[in-house]
Amino acid sequence: MNRARITITLKKELLKHVDGLIDGTKIKNRSHAIESLLSKNFAERKIKKAVILAGGKGAKFEGETKNVSRVLTPYKNKLFIEHIFDRLEKEGIEEVIVSAGSLGKEIKEKIGNGTKYGLAVSYLAKDAGTASVLKYLASIIDETFLMINGNVLADVDLNEMFNFHKKTGGVCTIGMISIKEPSAFGTIKLKGNQIIDFIEKPKAGKEESYLINAGIYIMEPEICQITTANCLSLEKDLFPSLAKKDNLFGYYLQGKWFHLDSLNKF
């Protein structure tokens, strides 16, 4: 074990903050908490760019005369997308590309260039499906990047997920969670850490697992090159194809997660 035992003295107030990180799962004790804090402080920020999928049909909210992207849903005194921005900024993301297609105008009017969130926000106007976005990113992204569905909030340690992703050698790692009723989502069948099958929205009672796609992905830029013209959906087209080629892996999320459609349950 490549560790050294040390003795340190901390202010009681600081120690309270350290103890507040201990959750018994990701952070098990004080030593682990301090090590986690130091690792985040000294570690190189490994993922700097994120893509938010904010397209779809949208919805008409109070005060709006037409459908707007659902990332503009008001939630806890903020817009839903602003909560996503908060998480991304805390995890070291510097640039965000919002893919909203024809619904992007309203997002741009409310969010702007992202300066007030500590981010550089740009917009992708073309959007023919969640996977088609990748083709348009081919000339924009040349490094490992994060992609997140605009209808989820995920408490994830990006450095840990990044390290896991790099060890697999795959082009894509999907964040996964386990839920009791997975039929409304895409269920995942694993062999070790490798995803061998991806079933989008199976019938209730016919699920092969309780693991679902949590809507957060780490991808290599080459995925933009291998996405074909007829590949429109991540869940229905791209992910099953990658699974057949042994190029898709799953990372289990241990933090909090919820879906926009389930906000009334929280």
C-alpha atoms as a PDB file:
ATOM      1  CA  MET A   1       0.000   0.000   0.000  1.00  0.00           C
ATOM      2  CA  ASN A   2       1.585   3.263  -1.174  1.00  0.00           C
ATOM      3  CA  ARG A   3       0.661   5.343   1.865  1.00  0.00           C
ATOM      4  CA  ALA A   4       2.408   6.963   4.834  1.00  0.00           C
ATOM      5  CA  ARG A   5       1.005   7.461   8.324  1.00  0.00           C
ATOM      6  CA  ILE A   6       1.059  11.088   9.548  1.00  0.00           C
ATOM      7  CA  THR A   7      -0.276  13.054  12.512  1.00  0.00           C
ATOM      8  CA  ILE A   8      -1.871  16.455  11.897  1.00  0.00           C
ATOM      9  CA  THR A   9      -3.611  19.114  13.964  1.00  0.00           C
ATOM     10  CA  LEU A  10      -6.636  20.906  12.541  1.00  0.00           C
ATOM     11  CA  LYS A  11      -8.927  23.665  13.736  1.00  0.00           C
ATOM     12  CA  LYS A  12     -12.183  22.262  15.101  1.00  0.00           C
ATOM     13  CA  GLU A  13     -14.219  24.161  12.522  1.00  0.00           C
ATOM     14  CA  LEU A  14     -12.190  22.642   9.680  1.00  0.00           C
ATOM     15  CA  LEU A  15     -12.565  19.204  11.221  1.00  0.00           C
ATOM     16  CA  LYS A  16     -16.344  19.643  11.218  1.00  0.00           C
ATOM     17  CA  HIS A  17     -16.224  20.262   7.463  1.00  0.00           C
ATOM     18  CA  VAL A  18     -14.015  17.193   6.979  1.00  0.00           C
ATOM     19  CA  ASP A  19     -16.372  15.019   9.022  1.00  0.00           C
ATOM     20  CA  GLY A  20     -19.287  16.373   7.007  1.00  0.00           C
ATOM     21  CA  LEU A  21     -17.882  14.637   3.918  1.00  0.00           C
ATOM     22  CA  ILE A  22     -18.062  11.194   5.523  1.00  0.00           C
ATOM     23  CA  ASP A  23     -21.063   9.333   4.107  1.00  0.00           C
ATOM     24  CA  GLY A  24     -20.021   5.754   4.791  1.00  0.00           C
ATOM     25  CA  THR A  25     -20.005   4.914   1.103  1.00  0.00           C
ATOM     26  CA  LYS A  26     -17.739   7.098  -1.017  1.00  0.00           C
ATOM     27  CA  ILE A  27     -15.993   8.661   1.988  1.00  0.00           C
ATOM     28  CA  LYS A  28     -15.664   6.186   4.847  1.00  0.00           C
ATOM     29  CA  ASN A  29     -13.552   7.959   7.473  1.00  0.00           C
ATOM     30  CA  ARG A  30     -11.547  11.103   8.270  1.00  0.00           C
ATOM     31  CA  SER A  31      -8.405   9.869   6.551  1.00  0.00           C
ATOM     32  CA  HIS A  32     -10.342   9.123   3.388  1.00  0.00           C
ATOM     33  CA  ALA A  33     -12.045  12.544   3.549  1.00  0.00           C
ATOM     34  CA  ILE A  34      -8.744  14.415   3.900  1.00  0.00           C
ATOM     35  CA  GLU A  35      -7.148  12.354   1.122  1.00  0.00           C
ATOM     36  CA  SER A  36     -10.119  13.082  -1.159  1.00  0.00           C
ATOM     37  CA  LEU A  37      -9.850  16.834  -0.515  1.00  0.00           C
ATOM     38  CA  LEU A  38      -6.107  16.852  -1.166  1.00  0.00           C
ATOM     39  CA  SER A  39      -6.488  14.776  -4.324  1.00  0.00           C
ATOM     40  CA  LYS A  40      -9.054  17.183  -5.759  1.00  0.00           C
ATOM     41  CA  ASN A  41      -6.919  20.190  -4.854  1.00  0.00           C
ATOM     42  CA  PHE A  42      -3.709  18.906  -6.443  1.00  0.00           C
ATOM     43  CA  ALA A  43      -5.097  16.805  -9.261  1.00  0.00           C
ATOM     44  CA  GLU A  44      -4.969  18.133 -12.794  1.00  0.00           C
ATOM     45  CA  ARG A  45      -8.416  18.924 -14.089  1.00  0.00           C
ATOM     46  CA  LYS A  46      -8.829  16.151 -16.577  1.00  0.00           C
ATOM     47  CA  ILE A  47     -12.153  16.984 -18.199  1.00  0.00           C
ATOM     48  CA  LYS A  48     -12.653  20.576 -19.235  1.00  0.00           C
ATOM     49  CA  LYS A  49     -15.489  20.350 -21.761  1.00  0.00           C
ATOM     50  CA  ALA A  50     -19.073  19.213 -21.318  1.00  0.00           C
ATOM     51  CA  VAL A  51     -22.010  18.859 -23.692  1.00  0.00           C
ATOM     52  CA  ILE A  52     -25.573  19.214 -22.370  1.00  0.00           C
ATOM     53  CA  LEU A  53     -28.304  17.540 -24.411  1.00  0.00           C
ATOM     54  CA  ALA A  54     -31.173  20.000 -24.118  1.00  0.00           C
ATOM     55  CA  GLY A  55     -33.252  19.261 -27.213  1.00  0.00           C
ATOM     56  CA  GLY A  56     -36.509  17.381 -27.498  1.00  0.00           C
ATOM     57  CA  LYS A  57     -40.047  18.732 -27.862  1.00  0.00           C
ATOM     58  CA  GLY A  58     -39.798  20.941 -24.802  1.00  0.00           C
ATOM     59  CA  ALA A  59     -42.744  22.142 -22.728  1.00  0.00           C
ATOM     60  CA  LYS A  60     -44.827  25.295 -22.236  1.00  0.00           C
ATOM     61  CA  PHE A  61     -44.243  26.827 -18.805  1.00  0.00           C
ATOM     62  CA  GLU A  62     -46.173  29.557 -17.030  1.00  0.00           C
ATOM     63  CA  GLY A  63     -45.533  32.899 -18.699  1.00  0.00           C
ATOM     64  CA  GLU A  64     -44.337  31.281 -21.945  1.00  0.00           C
ATOM     65  CA  THR A  65     -46.313  31.490 -25.177  1.00  0.00           C
ATOM     66  CA  LYS A  66     -44.630  28.507 -26.841  1.00  0.00           C
ATOM     67  CA  ASN A  67     -42.683  25.380 -26.017  1.00  0.00           C
ATOM     68  CA  VAL A  68     -39.198  25.913 -24.595  1.00  0.00           C
ATOM     69  CA  SER A  69     -36.476  23.460 -23.622  1.00  0.00           C
ATOM     70  CA  ARG A  70     -37.225  21.579 -20.411  1.00  0.00           C
ATOM     71  CA  VAL A  71     -33.830  22.589 -18.995  1.00  0.00           C
ATOM     72  CA  LEU A  72     -35.544  25.920 -18.314  1.00  0.00           C
ATOM     73  CA  THR A  73     -37.881  24.256 -15.807  1.00  0.00           C
ATOM     74  CA  PRO A  74     -37.962  26.373 -12.610  1.00  0.00           C
ATOM     75  CA  TYR A  75     -36.650  24.378  -9.638  1.00  0.00           C
ATOM     76  CA  LYS A  76     -35.628  25.622  -6.174  1.00  0.00           C
ATOM     77  CA  ASN A  77     -35.376  29.278  -7.187  1.00  0.00           C
ATOM     78  CA  LYS A  78     -33.256  28.476 -10.239  1.00  0.00           C
ATOM     79  CA  LEU A  79     -33.646  27.074 -13.704  1.00  0.00           C
ATOM     80  CA  PHE A  80     -32.890  23.358 -13.952  1.00  0.00           C
ATOM     81  CA  ILE A  81     -29.936  24.011 -16.242  1.00  0.00           C
ATOM     82  CA  GLU A  82     -28.456  26.383 -13.660  1.00  0.00           C
ATOM     83  CA  HIS A  83     -28.290  23.512 -11.164  1.00  0.00           C
ATOM     84  CA  ILE A  84     -26.422  21.507 -13.810  1.00  0.00           C
ATOM     85  CA  PHE A  85     -24.029  24.428 -14.346  1.00  0.00           C
ATOM     86  CA  ASP A  86     -23.360  24.583 -10.601  1.00  0.00           C
ATOM     87  CA  ARG A  87     -22.358  20.905 -10.518  1.00  0.00           C
ATOM     88  CA  LEU A  88     -20.190  21.188 -13.628  1.00  0.00           C
ATOM     89  CA  GLU A  89     -18.343  24.254 -12.372  1.00  0.00           C
ATOM     90  CA  LYS A  90     -17.618  22.563  -9.033  1.00  0.00           C
ATOM     91  CA  GLU A  91     -16.191  19.550 -10.869  1.00  0.00           C
ATOM     92  CA  GLY A  92     -13.744  21.672 -12.856  1.00  0.00           C
ATOM     93  CA  ILE A  93     -15.574  21.968 -16.170  1.00  0.00           C
ATOM     94  CA  GLU A  94     -14.600  25.153 -18.003  1.00  0.00           C
ATOM     95  CA  GLU A  95     -16.499  24.985 -21.313  1.00  0.00           C
ATOM     96  CA  VAL A  96     -20.094  23.889 -21.927  1.00  0.00           C
ATOM     97  CA  ILE A  97     -21.771  23.302 -25.272  1.00  0.00           C
ATOM     98  CA  VAL A  98     -25.569  23.312 -25.062  1.00  0.00           C
ATOM     99  CA  SER A  99     -27.257  21.297 -27.802  1.00  0.00           C
ATOM    100  CA  ALA A 100     -30.883  22.374 -28.029  1.00  0.00           C
ATOM    101  CA  GLY A 101     -31.608  22.622 -31.732  1.00  0.00           C
ATOM    102  CA  SER A 102     -34.535  24.948 -32.501  1.00  0.00           C
ATOM    103  CA  LEU A 103     -35.189  25.467 -28.761  1.00  0.00           C
ATOM    104  CA  GLY A 104     -31.784  26.976 -28.116  1.00  0.00           C
ATOM    105  CA  LYS A 105     -32.816  30.606 -28.643  1.00  0.00           C
ATOM    106  CA  GLU A 106     -34.717  30.848 -25.346  1.00  0.00           C
ATOM    107  CA  ILE A 107     -31.871  29.170 -23.434  1.00  0.00           C
ATOM    108  CA  LYS A 108     -29.365  31.592 -24.909  1.00  0.00           C
ATOM    109  CA  GLU A 109     -31.561  34.559 -23.962  1.00  0.00           C
ATOM    110  CA  LYS A 110     -31.756  33.420 -20.327  1.00  0.00           C
ATOM    111  CA  ILE A 111     -28.251  31.987 -19.874  1.00  0.00           C
ATOM    112  CA  GLY A 112     -26.073  34.015 -22.216  1.00  0.00           C
ATOM    113  CA  ASN A 113     -22.393  33.135 -22.524  1.00  0.00           C
ATOM    114  CA  GLY A 114     -22.156  31.560 -19.062  1.00  0.00           C
ATOM    115  CA  THR A 115     -19.872  34.166 -17.480  1.00  0.00           C
ATOM    116  CA  LYS A 116     -22.033  34.485 -14.361  1.00  0.00           C
ATOM    117  CA  TYR A 117     -21.702  30.727 -13.793  1.00  0.00           C
ATOM    118  CA  GLY A 118     -17.934  30.669 -14.182  1.00  0.00           C
ATOM    119  CA  LEU A 119     -18.268  28.823 -17.488  1.00  0.00           C
ATOM    120  CA  ALA A 120     -17.834  29.519 -21.191  1.00  0.00           C
ATOM    121  CA  VAL A 121     -21.184  28.514 -22.712  1.00  0.00           C
ATOM    122  CA  SER A 122     -21.782  28.098 -26.440  1.00  0.00           C
ATOM    123  CA  TYR A 123     -24.710  26.655 -28.385  1.00  0.00           C
ATOM    124  CA  LEU A 124     -25.156  24.000 -31.045  1.00  0.00           C
ATOM    125  CA  ALA A 125     -28.065  24.831 -33.322  1.00  0.00           C
ATOM    126  CA  LYS A 126     -28.163  21.586 -35.301  1.00  0.00           C
ATOM    127  CA  ASP A 127     -29.842  18.657 -33.573  1.00  0.00           C
ATOM    128  CA  ALA A 128     -31.492  15.724 -35.334  1.00  0.00           C
ATOM    129  CA  GLY A 129     -31.223  13.345 -32.368  1.00  0.00           C
ATOM    130  CA  THR A 130     -29.035  12.657 -29.334  1.00  0.00           C
ATOM    131  CA  ALA A 131     -26.421  10.730 -31.303  1.00  0.00           C
ATOM    132  CA  SER A 132     -26.487  13.030 -34.326  1.00  0.00           C
ATOM    133  CA  VAL A 133     -25.116  15.763 -32.047  1.00  0.00           C
ATOM    134  CA  LEU A 134     -21.792  13.907 -32.030  1.00  0.00           C
ATOM    135  CA  LYS A 135     -21.320  14.392 -35.770  1.00  0.00           C
ATOM    136  CA  TYR A 136     -21.614  18.148 -35.336  1.00  0.00           C
ATOM    137  CA  LEU A 137     -19.107  18.070 -32.471  1.00  0.00           C
ATOM    138  CA  ALA A 138     -16.415  16.401 -34.592  1.00  0.00           C
ATOM    139  CA  SER A 139     -14.869  19.722 -35.620  1.00  0.00           C
ATOM    140  CA  ILE A 140     -15.245  21.269 -32.147  1.00  0.00           C
ATOM    141  CA  ILE A 141     -13.980  18.682 -29.656  1.00  0.00           C
ATOM    142  CA  ASP A 142     -10.554  17.030 -29.789  1.00  0.00           C
ATOM    143  CA  GLU A 143     -10.218  15.768 -26.200  1.00  0.00           C
ATOM    144  CA  THR A 144     -11.995  13.501 -23.722  1.00  0.00           C
ATOM    145  CA  PHE A 145     -15.302  15.156 -22.831  1.00  0.00           C
ATOM    146  CA  LEU A 146     -18.382  14.826 -20.676  1.00  0.00           C
ATOM    147  CA  MET A 147     -21.886  14.534 -22.075  1.00  0.00           C
ATOM    148  CA  ILE A 148     -24.942  14.846 -19.837  1.00  0.00           C
ATOM    149  CA  ASN A 149     -28.658  14.638 -20.498  1.00  0.00           C
ATOM    150  CA  GLY A 150     -30.310  17.956 -19.720  1.00  0.00           C
ATOM    151  CA  ASN A 151     -33.075  16.258 -17.716  1.00  0.00           C
ATOM    152  CA  VAL A 152     -30.877  14.768 -14.963  1.00  0.00           C
ATOM    153  CA  LEU A 153     -28.870  15.987 -12.012  1.00  0.00           C
ATOM    154  CA  ALA A 154     -25.996  13.724 -10.975  1.00  0.00           C
ATOM    155  CA  ASP A 155     -23.679  13.947  -7.992  1.00  0.00           C
ATOM    156  CA  VAL A 156     -20.565  12.364  -9.485  1.00  0.00           C
ATOM    157  CA  ASP A 157     -16.830  12.644  -8.875  1.00  0.00           C
ATOM    158  CA  LEU A 158     -15.626  13.315 -12.411  1.00  0.00           C
ATOM    159  CA  ASN A 159     -11.986  12.587 -11.585  1.00  0.00           C
ATOM    160  CA  GLU A 160     -12.902   9.101 -10.350  1.00  0.00           C
ATOM    161  CA  MET A 161     -15.140   8.450 -13.343  1.00  0.00           C
ATOM    162  CA  PHE A 162     -12.447   9.770 -15.690  1.00  0.00           C
ATOM    163  CA  ASN A 163      -9.795   7.460 -14.190  1.00  0.00           C
ATOM    164  CA  PHE A 164     -12.171   4.508 -14.501  1.00  0.00           C
ATOM    165  CA  HIS A 165     -12.921   5.430 -18.110  1.00  0.00           C
ATOM    166  CA  LYS A 166      -9.255   5.671 -19.061  1.00  0.00           C
ATOM    167  CA  LYS A 167      -8.467   2.278 -17.527  1.00  0.00           C
ATOM    168  CA  THR A 168     -11.111   0.584 -19.675  1.00  0.00           C
ATOM    169  CA  GLY A 169      -9.631   1.859 -22.939  1.00  0.00           C
ATOM    170  CA  GLY A 170     -13.135   2.227 -24.378  1.00  0.00           C
ATOM    171  CA  VAL A 171     -14.533   5.151 -26.332  1.00  0.00           C
ATOM    172  CA  CYS A 172     -17.500   5.631 -24.008  1.00  0.00           C
ATOM    173  CA  THR A 173     -18.344   5.088 -20.343  1.00  0.00           C
ATOM    174  CA  ILE A 174     -21.944   5.339 -19.201  1.00  0.00           C
ATOM    175  CA  GLY A 175     -22.809   6.406 -15.662  1.00  0.00           C
ATOM    176  CA  MET A 176     -25.208   3.842 -14.181  1.00  0.00           C
ATOM    177  CA  ILE A 177     -27.545   3.662 -11.215  1.00  0.00           C
ATOM    178  CA  SER A 178     -29.843   0.936  -9.883  1.00  0.00           C
ATOM    179  CA  ILE A 179     -33.569   1.642  -9.457  1.00  0.00           C
ATOM    180  CA  LYS A 180     -36.626  -0.443  -8.546  1.00  0.00           C
ATOM    181  CA  GLU A 181     -38.640   0.341 -11.690  1.00  0.00           C
ATOM    182  CA  PRO A 182     -36.224   0.473 -14.642  1.00  0.00           C
ATOM    183  CA  SER A 183     -38.747  -0.078 -17.460  1.00  0.00           C
ATOM    184  CA  ALA A 184     -39.046   3.659 -18.193  1.00  0.00           C
ATOM    185  CA  PHE A 185     -35.312   3.868 -18.885  1.00  0.00           C
ATOM    186  CA  GLY A 186     -32.614   1.980 -20.775  1.00  0.00           C
ATOM    187  CA  THR A 187     -31.558  -1.128 -18.837  1.00  0.00           C
ATOM    188  CA  ILE A 188     -27.980  -2.356 -18.895  1.00  0.00           C
ATOM    189  CA  LYS A 189     -26.545  -5.872 -18.966  1.00  0.00           C
ATOM    190  CA  LEU A 190     -22.970  -6.153 -17.714  1.00  0.00           C
ATOM    191  CA  LYS A 191     -20.076  -8.577 -17.928  1.00  0.00           C
ATOM    192  CA  GLY A 192     -17.661  -7.233 -15.349  1.00  0.00           C
ATOM    193  CA  ASN A 193     -17.475  -3.511 -16.148  1.00  0.00           C
ATOM    194  CA  GLN A 194     -18.219  -4.024 -19.820  1.00  0.00           C
ATOM    195  CA  ILE A 195     -21.710  -3.345 -21.133  1.00  0.00           C
ATOM    196  CA  ILE A 196     -22.703  -6.256 -23.350  1.00  0.00           C
ATOM    197  CA  ASP A 197     -26.279  -5.239 -24.028  1.00  0.00           C
ATOM    198  CA  PHE A 198     -28.289  -2.032 -23.818  1.00  0.00           C
ATOM    199  CA  ILE A 199     -32.064  -2.345 -23.904  1.00  0.00           C
ATOM    200  CA  GLU A 200     -33.947   0.933 -24.295  1.00  0.00           C
ATOM    201  CA  LYS A 201     -37.165   1.073 -22.223  1.00  0.00           C
ATOM    202  CA  PRO A 202     -37.968  -2.666 -21.843  1.00  0.00           C
ATOM    203  CA  LYS A 203     -41.495  -3.748 -20.942  1.00  0.00           C
ATOM    204  CA  ALA A 204     -42.314  -3.797 -17.225  1.00  0.00           C
ATOM    205  CA  GLY A 205     -41.573  -7.235 -15.800  1.00  0.00           C
ATOM    206  CA  LYS A 206     -39.274  -8.100 -18.722  1.00  0.00           C
ATOM    207  CA  GLU A 207     -36.200  -6.213 -17.465  1.00  0.00           C
ATOM    208  CA  GLU A 208     -32.937  -8.168 -17.386  1.00  0.00           C
ATOM    209  CA  SER A 209     -31.402  -5.907 -14.728  1.00  0.00           C
ATOM    210  CA  TYR A 210     -32.155  -2.979 -12.448  1.00  0.00           C
ATOM    211  CA  LEU A 211     -29.194  -0.993 -13.744  1.00  0.00           C
ATOM    212  CA  ILE A 212     -30.130   1.974 -15.903  1.00  0.00           C
ATOM    213  CA  ASN A 213     -28.423   4.645 -17.938  1.00  0.00           C
ATOM    214  CA  ALA A 214     -28.076   7.650 -15.603  1.00  0.00           C
ATOM    215  CA  GLY A 215     -27.701  10.081 -18.518  1.00  0.00           C
ATOM    216  CA  ILE A 216     -24.067  11.011 -17.905  1.00  0.00           C
ATOM    217  CA  TYR A 217     -21.243   9.879 -20.181  1.00  0.00           C
ATOM    218  CA  ILE A 218     -17.513  10.271 -20.648  1.00  0.00           C
ATOM    219  CA  MET A 219     -16.479   9.983 -24.285  1.00  0.00           C
ATOM    220  CA  GLU A 220     -13.364  10.015 -26.392  1.00  0.00           C
ATOM    221  CA  PRO A 221     -13.369  12.444 -29.348  1.00  0.00           C
ATOM    222  CA  GLU A 222     -13.097   9.546 -31.811  1.00  0.00           C
ATOM    223  CA  ILE A 223     -16.713   8.661 -31.017  1.00  0.00           C
ATOM    224  CA  CYS A 224     -17.672  11.687 -33.130  1.00  0.00           C
ATOM    225  CA  GLN A 225     -15.881  10.165 -36.114  1.00  0.00           C
ATOM    226  CA  ILE A 226     -17.366   6.671 -35.821  1.00  0.00           C
ATOM    227  CA  THR A 227     -20.966   7.890 -35.468  1.00  0.00           C
ATOM    228  CA  THR A 228     -22.596   7.234 -38.841  1.00  0.00           C
ATOM    229  CA  ALA A 229     -25.130   9.402 -40.652  1.00  0.00           C
ATOM    230  CA  ASN A 230     -28.030   7.035 -39.871  1.00  0.00           C
ATOM    231  CA  CYS A 231     -27.113   6.870 -36.180  1.00  0.00           C
ATOM    232  CA  LEU A 232     -29.605   9.255 -34.586  1.00  0.00           C
ATOM    233  CA  SER A 233     -30.220   8.008 -31.028  1.00  0.00           C
ATOM    234  CA  LEU A 234     -27.626   7.284 -28.352  1.00  0.00           C
ATOM    235  CA  GLU A 235     -29.802   4.694 -26.638  1.00  0.00           C
ATOM    236  CA  LYS A 236     -31.332   2.977 -29.674  1.00  0.00           C
ATOM    237  CA  ASP A 237     -28.516   3.221 -32.225  1.00  0.00           C
ATOM    238  CA  LEU A 238     -25.074   4.136 -30.904  1.00  0.00           C
ATOM    239  CA  PHE A 239     -24.877   2.388 -27.530  1.00  0.00           C
ATOM    240  CA  PRO A 240     -26.059  -1.041 -28.764  1.00  0.00           C
ATOM    241  CA  SER A 241     -23.550  -0.772 -31.624  1.00  0.00           C
ATOM    242  CA  LEU A 242     -20.684   0.074 -29.250  1.00  0.00           C
ATOM    243  CA  ALA A 243     -21.688  -2.767 -26.931  1.00  0.00           C
ATOM    244  CA  LYS A 244     -21.448  -5.278 -29.786  1.00  0.00           C
ATOM    245  CA  LYS A 245     -17.920  -4.019 -30.516  1.00  0.00           C
ATOM    246  CA  ASP A 246     -16.816  -4.349 -26.839  1.00  0.00           C
ATOM    247  CA  ASN A 247     -16.330  -0.595 -26.702  1.00  0.00           C
ATOM    248  CA  LEU A 248     -18.885   0.442 -24.062  1.00  0.00           C
ATOM    249  CA  PHE A 249     -18.374   0.381 -20.285  1.00  0.00           C
ATOM    250  CA  GLY A 250     -20.432   1.162 -17.200  1.00  0.00           C
ATOM    251  CA  TYR A 251     -19.477   3.188 -14.136  1.00  0.00           C
ATOM    252  CA  TYR A 252     -21.711   2.883 -11.068  1.00  0.00           C
ATOM    253  CA  LEU A 253     -22.686   6.267  -9.610  1.00  0.00           C
ATOM    254  CA  GLN A 254     -22.712   6.324  -5.826  1.00  0.00           C
ATOM    255  CA  GLY A 255     -23.881   9.902  -5.299  1.00  0.00           C
ATOM    256  CA  LYS A 256     -27.346  11.432  -5.514  1.00  0.00           C
ATOM    257  CA  TRP A 257     -29.204  11.318  -8.830  1.00  0.00           C
ATOM    258  CA  PHE A 258     -32.620  12.276 -10.028  1.00  0.00           C
ATOM    259  CA  HIS A 259     -34.559  12.759 -13.204  1.00  0.00           C
ATOM    260  CA  LEU A 260     -36.535  15.863 -14.167  1.00  0.00           C
ATOM    261  CA  ASP A 261     -39.723  13.793 -14.551  1.00  0.00           C
ATOM    262  CA  SER A 262     -39.353  12.637 -10.933  1.00  0.00           C
ATOM    263  CA  LEU A 263     -38.895  16.052  -9.304  1.00  0.00           C
ATOM    264  CA  ASN A 264     -42.307  15.769  -7.671  1.00  0.00           C
ATOM    265  CA  LYS A 265     -41.013  12.724  -5.776  1.00  0.00           C
ATOM    266  CA  PHE A 266     -38.171  14.588  -4.059  1.00  0.00           C
END
